[in-house]
Amino acid sequence: MRERAVDGAANEGVAALLAAHFGVRKGDVRIMNGYGSRIKTIEVDD
């Protein structure tokens, strides 16, 4: 993952990576806290 932290691209990359890891749709991965930070709280629906 090499997305830059511009216009949310890095957060989108995190969501896509976690979705692939957990075998869910990207829409099932939400950043709950830390959208503008390196430390994030993520929620994944199944």
PDB file of N, CA and C in Angstrom:
ATOM      1  N   MET A   1       0.846  -1.164   0.000  1.00  0.00           N
ATOM      2  CA  MET A   1       0.000   0.000   0.000  1.00  0.00           C
ATOM      3  C   MET A   1       0.894   1.231   0.000  1.00  0.00           C
ATOM      4  N   ARG A   2       0.748   2.073  -0.998  1.00  0.00           N
ATOM      5  CA  ARG A   2       1.584   3.257  -1.131  1.00  0.00           C
ATOM      6  C   ARG A   2       0.773   4.520  -1.391  1.00  0.00           C
ATOM      7  N   GLU A   3      -0.511   4.522  -1.026  1.00  0.00           N
ATOM      8  CA  GLU A   3      -1.318   5.714  -1.262  1.00  0.00           C
ATOM      9  C   GLU A   3      -0.834   6.848  -0.363  1.00  0.00           C
ATOM     10  N   ARG A   4      -0.858   8.044  -0.908  1.00  0.00           N
ATOM     11  CA  ARG A   4      -0.452   9.221  -0.151  1.00  0.00           C
ATOM     12  C   ARG A   4      -1.649   9.750   0.648  1.00  0.00           C
ATOM     13  N   ALA A   5      -1.357  10.435   1.720  1.00  0.00           N
ATOM     14  CA  ALA A   5      -2.407  10.993   2.578  1.00  0.00           C
ATOM     15  C   ALA A   5      -2.947  12.293   1.973  1.00  0.00           C
ATOM     16  N   VAL A   6      -3.506  12.181   0.782  1.00  0.00           N
ATOM     17  CA  VAL A   6      -4.075  13.329   0.082  1.00  0.00           C
ATOM     18  C   VAL A   6      -5.505  12.990  -0.302  1.00  0.00           C
ATOM     19  N   ASP A   7      -6.439  13.855   0.082  1.00  0.00           N
ATOM     20  CA  ASP A   7      -7.856  13.685  -0.259  1.00  0.00           C
ATOM     21  C   ASP A   7      -8.411  12.334   0.179  1.00  0.00           C
ATOM     22  N   GLY A   8      -7.933  11.785   1.289  1.00  0.00           N
ATOM     23  CA  GLY A   8      -8.465  10.535   1.817  1.00  0.00           C
ATOM     24  C   GLY A   8      -7.988   9.287   1.098  1.00  0.00           C
ATOM     25  N   ALA A   9      -7.038   9.408   0.185  1.00  0.00           N
ATOM     26  CA  ALA A   9      -6.582   8.246  -0.583  1.00  0.00           C
ATOM     27  C   ALA A   9      -5.962   7.178   0.320  1.00  0.00           C
ATOM     28  N   ALA A  10      -5.222   7.590   1.333  1.00  0.00           N
ATOM     29  CA  ALA A  10      -4.600   6.612   2.232  1.00  0.00           C
ATOM     30  C   ALA A  10      -5.669   5.867   3.027  1.00  0.00           C
ATOM     31  N   ASN A  11      -6.700   6.570   3.475  1.00  0.00           N
ATOM     32  CA  ASN A  11      -7.784   5.916   4.212  1.00  0.00           C
ATOM     33  C   ASN A  11      -8.546   4.949   3.320  1.00  0.00           C
ATOM     34  N   GLU A  12      -8.752   5.316   2.075  1.00  0.00           N
ATOM     35  CA  GLU A  12      -9.398   4.404   1.125  1.00  0.00           C
ATOM     36  C   GLU A  12      -8.544   3.153   0.920  1.00  0.00           C
ATOM     37  N   GLY A  13      -7.228   3.343   0.864  1.00  0.00           N
ATOM     38  CA  GLY A  13      -6.323   2.207   0.727  1.00  0.00           C
ATOM     39  C   GLY A  13      -6.374   1.289   1.924  1.00  0.00           C
ATOM     40  N   VAL A  14      -6.464   1.862   3.114  1.00  0.00           N
ATOM     41  CA  VAL A  14      -6.580   1.060   4.338  1.00  0.00           C
ATOM     42  C   VAL A  14      -7.865   0.245   4.293  1.00  0.00           C
ATOM     43  N   ALA A  15      -8.964   0.886   3.920  1.00  0.00           N
ATOM     44  CA  ALA A  15     -10.254   0.194   3.850  1.00  0.00           C
ATOM     45  C   ALA A  15     -10.212  -0.949   2.835  1.00  0.00           C
ATOM     46  N   ALA A  16      -9.610  -0.712   1.678  1.00  0.00           N
ATOM     47  CA  ALA A  16      -9.514  -1.751   0.650  1.00  0.00           C
ATOM     48  C   ALA A  16      -8.637  -2.910   1.118  1.00  0.00           C
ATOM     49  N   LEU A  17      -7.533  -2.602   1.760  1.00  0.00           N
ATOM     50  CA  LEU A  17      -6.627  -3.639   2.258  1.00  0.00           C
ATOM     51  C   LEU A  17      -7.304  -4.497   3.323  1.00  0.00           C
ATOM     52  N   LEU A  18      -7.984  -3.852   4.272  1.00  0.00           N
ATOM     53  CA  LEU A  18      -8.672  -4.607   5.326  1.00  0.00           C
ATOM     54  C   LEU A  18      -9.841  -5.415   4.775  1.00  0.00           C
ATOM     55  N   ALA A  19     -10.553  -4.858   3.798  1.00  0.00           N
ATOM     56  CA  ALA A  19     -11.661  -5.595   3.179  1.00  0.00           C
ATOM     57  C   ALA A  19     -11.147  -6.863   2.518  1.00  0.00           C
ATOM     58  N   ALA A  20     -10.046  -6.752   1.808  1.00  0.00           N
ATOM     59  CA  ALA A  20      -9.467  -7.933   1.158  1.00  0.00           C
ATOM     60  C   ALA A  20      -9.002  -8.947   2.201  1.00  0.00           C
ATOM     61  N   HIS A  21      -8.395  -8.465   3.270  1.00  0.00           N
ATOM     62  CA  HIS A  21      -7.898  -9.367   4.320  1.00  0.00           C
ATOM     63  C   HIS A  21      -9.038 -10.140   4.981  1.00  0.00           C
ATOM     64  N   PHE A  22     -10.138  -9.447   5.289  1.00  0.00           N
ATOM     65  CA  PHE A  22     -11.253 -10.081   5.988  1.00  0.00           C
ATOM     66  C   PHE A  22     -12.283 -10.697   5.051  1.00  0.00           C
ATOM     67  N   GLY A  23     -12.106 -10.527   3.743  1.00  0.00           N
ATOM     68  CA  GLY A  23     -13.021 -11.129   2.771  1.00  0.00           C
ATOM     69  C   GLY A  23     -14.404 -10.487   2.777  1.00  0.00           C
ATOM     70  N   VAL A  24     -14.452  -9.167   2.969  1.00  0.00           N
ATOM     71  CA  VAL A  24     -15.721  -8.436   2.957  1.00  0.00           C
ATOM     72  C   VAL A  24     -15.644  -7.335   1.901  1.00  0.00           C
ATOM     73  N   ARG A  25     -16.786  -6.686   1.647  1.00  0.00           N
ATOM     74  CA  ARG A  25     -16.799  -5.566   0.713  1.00  0.00           C
ATOM     75  C   ARG A  25     -16.136  -4.353   1.353  1.00  0.00           C
ATOM     76  N   LYS A  26     -15.584  -3.481   0.548  1.00  0.00           N
ATOM     77  CA  LYS A  26     -14.937  -2.275   1.063  1.00  0.00           C
ATOM     78  C   LYS A  26     -15.932  -1.410   1.836  1.00  0.00           C
ATOM     79  N   GLY A  27     -17.191  -1.448   1.449  1.00  0.00           N
ATOM     80  CA  GLY A  27     -18.229  -0.687   2.144  1.00  0.00           C
ATOM     81  C   GLY A  27     -18.519  -1.210   3.538  1.00  0.00           C
ATOM     82  N   ASP A  28     -18.066  -2.426   3.843  1.00  0.00           N
ATOM     83  CA  ASP A  28     -18.259  -3.014   5.171  1.00  0.00           C
ATOM     84  C   ASP A  28     -17.158  -2.621   6.144  1.00  0.00           C
ATOM     85  N   VAL A  29     -16.190  -1.857   5.683  1.00  0.00           N
ATOM     86  CA  VAL A  29     -15.080  -1.400   6.524  1.00  0.00           C
ATOM     87  C   VAL A  29     -15.250   0.102   6.742  1.00  0.00           C
ATOM     88  N   ARG A  30     -15.322   0.503   8.022  1.00  0.00           N
ATOM     89  CA  ARG A  30     -15.515   1.918   8.344  1.00  0.00           C
ATOM     90  C   ARG A  30     -14.441   2.388   9.315  1.00  0.00           C
ATOM     91  N   ILE A  31     -13.939   3.583   9.069  1.00  0.00           N
ATOM     92  CA  ILE A  31     -13.023   4.219  10.005  1.00  0.00           C
ATOM     93  C   ILE A  31     -13.894   4.963  11.009  1.00  0.00           C
ATOM     94  N   MET A  32     -13.881   4.498  12.253  1.00  0.00           N
ATOM     95  CA  MET A  32     -14.729   5.064  13.287  1.00  0.00           C
ATOM     96  C   MET A  32     -14.078   6.272  13.954  1.00  0.00           C
ATOM     97  N   ASN A  33     -12.761   6.253  14.061  1.00  0.00           N
ATOM     98  CA  ASN A  33     -12.037   7.317  14.736  1.00  0.00           C
ATOM     99  C   ASN A  33     -10.641   7.392  14.151  1.00  0.00           C
ATOM    100  N   GLY A  34     -10.083   8.588  14.064  1.00  0.00           N
ATOM    101  CA  GLY A  34      -8.718   8.745  13.587  1.00  0.00           C
ATOM    102  C   GLY A  34      -8.589   8.929  12.090  1.00  0.00           C
ATOM    103  N   TYR A  35      -9.619   9.475  11.450  1.00  0.00           N
ATOM    104  CA  TYR A  35      -9.585   9.631   9.996  1.00  0.00           C
ATOM    105  C   TYR A  35      -8.370  10.432   9.545  1.00  0.00           C
ATOM    106  N   GLY A  36      -7.957  11.419  10.330  1.00  0.00           N
ATOM    107  CA  GLY A  36      -6.812  12.243   9.950  1.00  0.00           C
ATOM    108  C   GLY A  36      -5.547  11.890  10.701  1.00  0.00           C
ATOM    109  N   SER A  37      -5.514  10.715  11.315  1.00  0.00           N
ATOM    110  CA  SER A  37      -4.389  10.314  12.146  1.00  0.00           C
ATOM    111  C   SER A  37      -3.818   8.980  11.674  1.00  0.00           C
ATOM    112  N   ARG A  38      -2.614   8.672  12.129  1.00  0.00           N
ATOM    113  CA  ARG A  38      -2.027   7.364  11.808  1.00  0.00           C
ATOM    114  C   ARG A  38      -2.683   6.242  12.613  1.00  0.00           C
ATOM    115  N   ILE A  39      -3.177   6.571  13.800  1.00  0.00           N
ATOM    116  CA  ILE A  39      -3.837   5.587  14.664  1.00  0.00           C
ATOM    117  C   ILE A  39      -5.334   5.687  14.422  1.00  0.00           C
ATOM    118  N   LYS A  40      -5.936   4.567  14.056  1.00  0.00           N
ATOM    119  CA  LYS A  40      -7.347   4.554  13.678  1.00  0.00           C
ATOM    120  C   LYS A  40      -8.109   3.472  14.439  1.00  0.00           C
ATOM    121  N   THR A  41      -9.386   3.704  14.606  1.00  0.00           N
ATOM    122  CA  THR A  41     -10.303   2.686  15.108  1.00  0.00           C
ATOM    123  C   THR A  41     -11.167   2.273  13.927  1.00  0.00           C
ATOM    124  N   ILE A  42     -11.135   0.979  13.622  1.00  0.00           N
ATOM    125  CA  ILE A  42     -11.811   0.444  12.433  1.00  0.00           C
ATOM    126  C   ILE A  42     -12.929  -0.492  12.864  1.00  0.00           C
ATOM    127  N   GLU A  43     -14.045  -0.436  12.145  1.00  0.00           N
ATOM    128  CA  GLU A  43     -15.133  -1.390  12.362  1.00  0.00           C
ATOM    129  C   GLU A  43     -15.350  -2.155  11.061  1.00  0.00           C
ATOM    130  N   VAL A  44     -15.450  -3.474  11.176  1.00  0.00           N
ATOM    131  CA  VAL A  44     -15.661  -4.330  10.006  1.00  0.00           C
ATOM    132  C   VAL A  44     -16.943  -5.127  10.214  1.00  0.00           C
ATOM    133  N   ASP A  45     -17.910  -4.956   9.317  1.00  0.00           N
ATOM    134  CA  ASP A  45     -19.148  -5.739   9.347  1.00  0.00           C
ATOM    135  C   ASP A  45     -18.943  -7.022   8.565  1.00  0.00           C
ATOM    136  N   ASP A  46     -19.662  -8.043   8.956  1.00  0.00           N
ATOM    137  CA  ASP A  46     -19.575  -9.314   8.195  1.00  0.00           C
ATOM    138  C   ASP A  46     -20.880  -9.642   7.537  1.00  0.00           C
TER     139      ASP A  46
END
